N, C-alpha and C. Protein backbone atom coordinates (compact mmCIF):
# COMPACT_ATOMS: atom_id res chain seq x y z
N MET A 1 25.19 47.99 -0.26
CA MET A 1 24.29 47.99 0.86
C MET A 1 24.04 49.44 1.27
N GLU A 2 22.81 49.73 1.59
CA GLU A 2 22.39 51.09 1.88
C GLU A 2 23.14 51.70 3.07
N LEU A 3 23.33 50.94 4.13
CA LEU A 3 24.05 51.43 5.32
C LEU A 3 25.46 51.89 4.97
N LEU A 4 26.18 51.07 4.24
CA LEU A 4 27.56 51.41 3.90
C LEU A 4 27.63 52.60 2.96
N ARG A 5 26.70 52.66 2.04
CA ARG A 5 26.64 53.81 1.12
C ARG A 5 26.38 55.09 1.91
N TRP A 6 25.43 55.03 2.85
CA TRP A 6 25.12 56.20 3.67
C TRP A 6 26.33 56.62 4.48
N ALA A 7 27.00 55.67 5.12
CA ALA A 7 28.17 55.97 5.95
C ALA A 7 29.27 56.62 5.13
N GLU A 8 29.45 56.16 3.92
CA GLU A 8 30.46 56.72 3.03
C GLU A 8 30.10 58.15 2.60
N GLU A 9 28.84 58.36 2.26
CA GLU A 9 28.39 59.67 1.77
C GLU A 9 28.29 60.72 2.87
N HIS A 10 28.19 60.29 4.12
CA HIS A 10 28.01 61.22 5.24
C HIS A 10 29.15 61.11 6.25
N ARG A 11 30.36 61.06 5.74
CA ARG A 11 31.54 60.91 6.61
C ARG A 11 31.66 62.01 7.66
N GLU A 12 31.14 63.19 7.35
CA GLU A 12 31.26 64.31 8.30
C GLU A 12 30.28 64.18 9.46
N GLU A 13 29.29 63.31 9.34
CA GLU A 13 28.32 63.12 10.42
C GLU A 13 28.82 62.07 11.39
N ARG A 14 28.57 62.30 12.65
CA ARG A 14 29.04 61.41 13.71
C ARG A 14 28.13 60.19 13.85
N ILE A 15 28.73 59.02 13.94
CA ILE A 15 28.01 57.80 14.25
C ILE A 15 28.66 57.23 15.51
N ASP A 16 27.91 57.17 16.59
CA ASP A 16 28.46 56.68 17.85
C ASP A 16 28.40 55.16 17.96
N LEU A 17 27.39 54.57 17.33
CA LEU A 17 27.17 53.14 17.52
C LEU A 17 26.39 52.57 16.34
N LEU A 18 26.81 51.40 15.91
CA LEU A 18 26.09 50.64 14.89
C LEU A 18 25.45 49.45 15.58
N VAL A 19 24.14 49.31 15.44
CA VAL A 19 23.43 48.14 15.95
C VAL A 19 23.06 47.32 14.73
N SER A 20 23.54 46.08 14.69
CA SER A 20 23.36 45.26 13.50
C SER A 20 22.88 43.87 13.84
N ASP A 21 21.85 43.43 13.12
CA ASP A 21 21.42 42.06 13.25
C ASP A 21 22.49 41.18 12.63
N VAL A 22 22.72 40.03 13.20
CA VAL A 22 23.75 39.12 12.70
C VAL A 22 23.34 38.54 11.35
N VAL A 23 22.08 38.22 11.19
CA VAL A 23 21.60 37.63 9.94
C VAL A 23 20.93 38.71 9.11
N MET A 24 21.51 38.97 7.93
CA MET A 24 20.99 39.99 7.03
C MET A 24 20.86 39.38 5.65
N SER A 25 19.91 39.89 4.88
CA SER A 25 19.67 39.30 3.56
C SER A 25 20.66 39.79 2.50
N GLU A 26 21.07 41.06 2.57
CA GLU A 26 21.90 41.63 1.51
C GLU A 26 23.37 41.23 1.58
N LYS A 27 23.89 41.05 2.76
CA LYS A 27 25.31 40.82 2.95
C LYS A 27 25.50 40.12 4.28
N ASN A 28 26.52 39.31 4.40
CA ASN A 28 26.72 38.70 5.71
C ASN A 28 27.33 39.70 6.67
N TRP A 29 27.08 39.51 7.93
CA TRP A 29 27.48 40.50 8.94
C TRP A 29 28.98 40.67 9.09
N PRO A 30 29.82 39.63 8.97
CA PRO A 30 31.26 39.91 9.07
C PRO A 30 31.74 40.85 7.97
N ALA A 31 31.23 40.67 6.76
CA ALA A 31 31.62 41.54 5.65
C ALA A 31 31.14 42.96 5.88
N THR A 32 29.94 43.10 6.41
CA THR A 32 29.41 44.43 6.70
C THR A 32 30.24 45.11 7.78
N PHE A 33 30.57 44.39 8.84
CA PHE A 33 31.39 44.94 9.91
C PHE A 33 32.75 45.37 9.39
N GLU A 34 33.39 44.52 8.59
CA GLU A 34 34.71 44.85 8.04
C GLU A 34 34.65 46.08 7.15
N ALA A 35 33.61 46.18 6.32
CA ALA A 35 33.45 47.34 5.44
C ALA A 35 33.20 48.61 6.26
N MET A 36 32.39 48.51 7.29
CA MET A 36 32.11 49.67 8.12
C MET A 36 33.36 50.11 8.87
N GLU A 37 34.16 49.16 9.33
CA GLU A 37 35.42 49.49 10.01
C GLU A 37 36.35 50.27 9.10
N LYS A 38 36.34 49.98 7.81
CA LYS A 38 37.19 50.71 6.85
C LYS A 38 36.68 52.14 6.67
N ILE A 39 35.36 52.30 6.66
CA ILE A 39 34.76 53.62 6.47
C ILE A 39 34.84 54.43 7.76
N ARG A 40 34.56 53.77 8.88
CA ARG A 40 34.52 54.42 10.19
C ARG A 40 35.39 53.65 11.19
N PRO A 41 36.70 53.82 11.12
CA PRO A 41 37.59 53.09 12.03
C PRO A 41 37.22 53.33 13.49
N GLY A 42 37.19 52.26 14.26
CA GLY A 42 36.91 52.38 15.68
C GLY A 42 35.45 52.47 16.06
N ILE A 43 34.54 52.37 15.09
CA ILE A 43 33.12 52.47 15.42
C ILE A 43 32.72 51.34 16.36
N LYS A 44 31.87 51.66 17.31
CA LYS A 44 31.37 50.66 18.25
C LYS A 44 30.18 49.95 17.59
N VAL A 45 30.11 48.64 17.80
CA VAL A 45 29.06 47.84 17.18
C VAL A 45 28.40 46.95 18.24
N LEU A 46 27.09 46.90 18.20
CA LEU A 46 26.33 45.96 19.02
C LEU A 46 25.64 45.00 18.07
N PHE A 47 26.01 43.74 18.13
CA PHE A 47 25.40 42.71 17.30
C PHE A 47 24.19 42.14 18.03
N VAL A 48 23.12 41.90 17.27
CA VAL A 48 21.89 41.36 17.81
C VAL A 48 21.54 40.11 17.02
N THR A 49 21.04 39.07 17.70
CA THR A 49 20.64 37.86 17.00
C THR A 49 19.49 37.17 17.71
N GLY A 50 18.71 36.48 16.93
CA GLY A 50 17.66 35.63 17.46
C GLY A 50 18.01 34.17 17.29
N TYR A 51 19.23 33.91 16.80
CA TYR A 51 19.65 32.55 16.48
C TYR A 51 20.64 31.96 17.47
N GLY A 52 21.07 32.72 18.45
CA GLY A 52 22.06 32.21 19.40
C GLY A 52 23.33 31.82 18.69
N GLY A 53 24.02 30.82 19.22
CA GLY A 53 25.30 30.39 18.65
C GLY A 53 25.22 29.83 17.26
N SER A 54 24.04 29.37 16.83
CA SER A 54 23.91 28.77 15.50
C SER A 54 24.15 29.78 14.38
N ALA A 55 24.04 31.06 14.65
CA ALA A 55 24.25 32.07 13.62
C ALA A 55 25.72 32.20 13.23
N PHE A 56 26.62 31.60 14.01
CA PHE A 56 28.05 31.81 13.79
C PHE A 56 28.76 30.60 13.23
N THR A 57 28.05 29.55 12.94
CA THR A 57 28.71 28.31 12.53
C THR A 57 29.45 28.43 11.21
N ASP A 58 29.04 29.31 10.33
CA ASP A 58 29.69 29.47 9.02
C ASP A 58 30.84 30.47 9.03
N PHE A 59 31.09 31.10 10.17
CA PHE A 59 32.09 32.16 10.23
C PHE A 59 33.12 31.87 11.31
N ASN A 60 34.30 32.40 11.15
CA ASN A 60 35.35 32.24 12.15
C ASN A 60 35.46 33.51 12.99
N PHE A 61 34.33 34.06 13.34
CA PHE A 61 34.31 35.32 14.07
C PHE A 61 33.16 35.28 15.07
N GLN A 62 33.44 35.52 16.32
CA GLN A 62 32.41 35.58 17.35
C GLN A 62 32.15 37.05 17.66
N PRO A 63 30.97 37.54 17.31
CA PRO A 63 30.70 38.96 17.54
C PRO A 63 30.61 39.29 19.02
N GLU A 64 31.24 40.35 19.40
CA GLU A 64 31.17 40.87 20.76
C GLU A 64 31.04 42.38 20.67
N PRO A 65 30.18 42.98 21.41
CA PRO A 65 29.19 42.36 22.28
C PRO A 65 28.01 41.83 21.47
N LEU A 66 27.33 40.86 22.03
CA LEU A 66 26.20 40.21 21.38
C LEU A 66 24.98 40.27 22.29
N LEU A 67 23.87 40.67 21.74
CA LEU A 67 22.62 40.72 22.48
C LEU A 67 21.65 39.77 21.80
N GLU A 68 21.09 38.85 22.57
CA GLU A 68 20.18 37.87 21.99
C GLU A 68 18.73 38.30 22.12
N LYS A 69 17.97 38.11 21.02
CA LYS A 69 16.55 38.41 21.02
C LYS A 69 15.79 37.28 21.69
N PRO A 70 14.67 37.54 22.28
CA PRO A 70 14.06 38.86 22.46
C PRO A 70 14.84 39.67 23.49
N VAL A 71 14.86 40.96 23.28
CA VAL A 71 15.64 41.86 24.12
C VAL A 71 14.68 42.72 24.94
N SER A 72 14.90 42.75 26.24
CA SER A 72 14.09 43.64 27.08
C SER A 72 14.62 45.06 26.98
N HIS A 73 13.78 46.02 27.28
CA HIS A 73 14.22 47.42 27.28
C HIS A 73 15.36 47.62 28.26
N GLU A 74 15.27 46.96 29.40
CA GLU A 74 16.30 47.10 30.42
C GLU A 74 17.65 46.57 29.93
N ASP A 75 17.65 45.40 29.29
CA ASP A 75 18.90 44.83 28.77
C ASP A 75 19.50 45.70 27.68
N LEU A 76 18.64 46.22 26.80
CA LEU A 76 19.13 47.09 25.73
C LEU A 76 19.70 48.38 26.31
N ASP A 77 18.99 48.99 27.25
CA ASP A 77 19.49 50.22 27.88
C ASP A 77 20.84 50.00 28.56
N LYS A 78 20.95 48.89 29.28
CA LYS A 78 22.20 48.57 29.99
C LYS A 78 23.35 48.39 29.02
N ARG A 79 23.13 47.64 27.95
CA ARG A 79 24.19 47.40 26.97
C ARG A 79 24.58 48.67 26.24
N LEU A 80 23.60 49.49 25.87
CA LEU A 80 23.91 50.75 25.19
C LEU A 80 24.71 51.68 26.10
N GLU A 81 24.32 51.74 27.37
CA GLU A 81 25.07 52.56 28.33
C GLU A 81 26.50 52.11 28.45
N GLN A 82 26.73 50.79 28.50
CA GLN A 82 28.08 50.26 28.60
C GLN A 82 28.90 50.63 27.37
N LEU A 83 28.31 50.51 26.20
CA LEU A 83 29.05 50.76 24.96
C LEU A 83 29.35 52.23 24.71
N LEU A 84 28.46 53.09 25.16
CA LEU A 84 28.60 54.52 24.85
C LEU A 84 29.33 55.32 25.92
N ARG A 85 29.90 54.64 26.91
CA ARG A 85 30.68 55.33 27.94
C ARG A 85 31.92 55.95 27.34
């Protein structure tokens, strides 16, 4: 996956936050999160979904924090501020 390859190749660059859609075509999100945690331990992640709770039925992991689409600018700003404190 391009994101993980980039994170591995640019370890010296700072990443404050990963914003990830829960449903992705290349890889499922729990595997992506676990791989990113290995590359960047402690990275903050904001999961986004348009599927609500139905996106999690195949996994034993509830993503937190979770932002549901559609997302207003105000909600996104508030959540980003909370995560980046």
